[in-house]
Amino acid sequence: MGEIRDAVEVLIEDHCYMEVLLEQFDLEDDPAELRRLFMRIAGELAAHEAAEQDVVSARAAVARPGRQVVGPNVPRRLRRPLTEQRA
């Protein structure tokens, strides 16, 4: 369960980092920099969402062994246990 706890800590750090990026975006006036920040935010959100779904699914799998814990629209790579994701 320590691996999941570490992943949760990373996700919390991601939330703080996203706040920083969004604050920078709010303060920026340069269109080129706004585009760059937007693309970075979009990429970070996509990676964060995948990781967050991974952690939630892993926790649910531990809590409810043998039962389907993700919906059919979740990509297959996110259906594997967290330990297999890192291999």
C-alpha atoms as a PDB file:
ATOM      1  CA  MET A   1       0.000   0.000   0.000  1.00  0.00           C
ATOM      2  CA  GLY A   2       3.070   2.278   0.371  1.00  0.00           C
ATOM      3  CA  GLU A   3       3.351   2.603  -3.396  1.00  0.00           C
ATOM      4  CA  ILE A   4      -0.202   3.960  -3.593  1.00  0.00           C
ATOM      5  CA  ARG A   5       0.497   6.395  -0.748  1.00  0.00           C
ATOM      6  CA  ASP A   6       3.554   7.684  -2.640  1.00  0.00           C
ATOM      7  CA  ALA A   7       1.420   8.129  -5.749  1.00  0.00           C
ATOM      8  CA  VAL A   8      -1.131  10.115  -3.744  1.00  0.00           C
ATOM      9  CA  GLU A   9       1.633  12.424  -2.523  1.00  0.00           C
ATOM     10  CA  VAL A  10       2.742  12.988  -6.127  1.00  0.00           C
ATOM     11  CA  LEU A  11      -0.837  13.781  -7.150  1.00  0.00           C
ATOM     12  CA  ILE A  12      -1.115  16.332  -4.342  1.00  0.00           C
ATOM     13  CA  GLU A  13       2.138  17.928  -5.508  1.00  0.00           C
ATOM     14  CA  ASP A  14       0.680  17.993  -9.039  1.00  0.00           C
ATOM     15  CA  HIS A  15      -2.297  19.962  -7.740  1.00  0.00           C
ATOM     16  CA  CYS A  16       0.051  22.569  -6.254  1.00  0.00           C
ATOM     17  CA  TYR A  17       2.063  22.747  -9.487  1.00  0.00           C
ATOM     18  CA  MET A  18      -1.124  23.208 -11.522  1.00  0.00           C
ATOM     19  CA  GLU A  19      -2.101  26.117  -9.274  1.00  0.00           C
ATOM     20  CA  VAL A  20       1.243  27.760 -10.057  1.00  0.00           C
ATOM     21  CA  LEU A  21       0.827  27.226 -13.807  1.00  0.00           C
ATOM     22  CA  LEU A  22      -2.732  28.557 -13.760  1.00  0.00           C
ATOM     23  CA  GLU A  23      -1.646  31.604 -11.781  1.00  0.00           C
ATOM     24  CA  GLN A  24       1.104  32.269 -14.341  1.00  0.00           C
ATOM     25  CA  PHE A  25      -1.473  31.909 -17.102  1.00  0.00           C
ATOM     26  CA  ASP A  26      -3.775  34.430 -15.411  1.00  0.00           C
ATOM     27  CA  LEU A  27      -0.962  36.966 -15.105  1.00  0.00           C
ATOM     28  CA  GLU A  28       0.450  36.550 -18.619  1.00  0.00           C
ATOM     29  CA  ASP A  29      -0.252  39.057 -21.408  1.00  0.00           C
ATOM     30  CA  ASP A  30       2.008  37.813 -24.202  1.00  0.00           C
ATOM     31  CA  PRO A  31      -0.006  35.707 -26.703  1.00  0.00           C
ATOM     32  CA  ALA A  32       2.948  33.421 -27.499  1.00  0.00           C
ATOM     33  CA  GLU A  33       3.588  32.770 -23.807  1.00  0.00           C
ATOM     34  CA  LEU A  34      -0.130  32.200 -23.223  1.00  0.00           C
ATOM     35  CA  ARG A  35      -0.116  29.528 -25.954  1.00  0.00           C
ATOM     36  CA  ARG A  36       2.976  27.900 -24.467  1.00  0.00           C
ATOM     37  CA  LEU A  37       1.445  27.887 -20.982  1.00  0.00           C
ATOM     38  CA  PHE A  38      -1.856  26.577 -22.305  1.00  0.00           C
ATOM     39  CA  MET A  39      -0.152  23.656 -24.034  1.00  0.00           C
ATOM     40  CA  ARG A  40       1.862  22.894 -20.916  1.00  0.00           C
ATOM     41  CA  ILE A  41      -1.247  23.018 -18.728  1.00  0.00           C
ATOM     42  CA  ALA A  42      -3.135  20.745 -21.144  1.00  0.00           C
ATOM     43  CA  GLY A  43      -0.283  18.218 -21.132  1.00  0.00           C
ATOM     44  CA  GLU A  44       0.066  18.309 -17.364  1.00  0.00           C
ATOM     45  CA  LEU A  45      -3.691  17.862 -16.917  1.00  0.00           C
ATOM     46  CA  ALA A  46      -3.760  14.856 -19.237  1.00  0.00           C
ATOM     47  CA  ALA A  47      -0.872  13.188 -17.403  1.00  0.00           C
ATOM     48  CA  HIS A  48      -2.359  14.050 -14.022  1.00  0.00           C
ATOM     49  CA  GLU A  49      -5.786  12.701 -14.954  1.00  0.00           C
ATOM     50  CA  ALA A  50      -4.263   9.402 -16.091  1.00  0.00           C
ATOM     51  CA  ALA A  51      -2.227   9.093 -12.894  1.00  0.00           C
ATOM     52  CA  GLU A  52      -5.173  10.039 -10.721  1.00  0.00           C
ATOM     53  CA  GLN A  53      -7.388   7.451 -12.403  1.00  0.00           C
ATOM     54  CA  ASP A  54      -4.612   4.901 -11.897  1.00  0.00           C
ATOM     55  CA  VAL A  55      -4.455   5.593  -8.163  1.00  0.00           C
ATOM     56  CA  VAL A  56      -8.223   5.604  -7.723  1.00  0.00           C
ATOM     57  CA  SER A  57      -8.530   2.327  -9.625  1.00  0.00           C
ATOM     58  CA  ALA A  58      -5.710   0.746  -7.615  1.00  0.00           C
ATOM     59  CA  ARG A  59      -7.290   1.780  -4.328  1.00  0.00           C
ATOM     60  CA  ALA A  60     -10.666   0.479  -5.442  1.00  0.00           C
ATOM     61  CA  ALA A  61      -9.090  -2.825  -6.513  1.00  0.00           C
ATOM     62  CA  VAL A  62      -7.572  -3.220  -3.045  1.00  0.00           C
ATOM     63  CA  ALA A  63     -10.858  -2.316  -1.384  1.00  0.00           C
ATOM     64  CA  ARG A  64     -12.946  -4.547  -3.661  1.00  0.00           C
ATOM     65  CA  PRO A  65     -10.791  -7.480  -4.840  1.00  0.00           C
ATOM     66  CA  GLY A  66     -12.154  -9.464  -7.752  1.00  0.00           C
ATOM     67  CA  ARG A  67     -14.661  -6.807  -8.817  1.00  0.00           C
ATOM     68  CA  GLN A  68     -14.528  -4.465 -11.795  1.00  0.00           C
ATOM     69  CA  VAL A  69     -13.473  -1.091 -10.451  1.00  0.00           C
ATOM     70  CA  VAL A  70     -13.317   0.996 -13.617  1.00  0.00           C
ATOM     71  CA  GLY A  71     -15.811   1.778 -16.310  1.00  0.00           C
ATOM     72  CA  PRO A  72     -15.566   0.535 -19.888  1.00  0.00           C
ATOM     73  CA  ASN A  73     -14.261   3.896 -21.155  1.00  0.00           C
ATOM     74  CA  VAL A  74     -11.085   3.774 -19.061  1.00  0.00           C
ATOM     75  CA  PRO A  75      -8.070   2.896 -21.253  1.00  0.00           C
ATOM     76  CA  ARG A  76      -6.733  -0.643 -20.780  1.00  0.00           C
ATOM     77  CA  ARG A  77      -3.367   0.620 -19.527  1.00  0.00           C
ATOM     78  CA  LEU A  78      -5.183   2.192 -16.577  1.00  0.00           C
ATOM     79  CA  ARG A  79      -7.016  -1.010 -15.723  1.00  0.00           C
ATOM     80  CA  ARG A  80      -3.843  -2.785 -14.602  1.00  0.00           C
ATOM     81  CA  PRO A  81      -2.750  -2.593 -10.953  1.00  0.00           C
ATOM     82  CA  LEU A  82      -0.407   0.262 -10.055  1.00  0.00           C
ATOM     83  CA  THR A  83       2.515  -2.135  -9.565  1.00  0.00           C
ATOM     84  CA  GLU A  84       2.216  -3.338 -13.170  1.00  0.00           C
ATOM     85  CA  GLN A  85       1.999   0.252 -14.451  1.00  0.00           C
ATOM     86  CA  ARG A  86       5.519   1.006 -13.233  1.00  0.00           C
ATOM     87  CA  ALA A  87       7.147  -2.140 -14.675  1.00  0.00           C
END
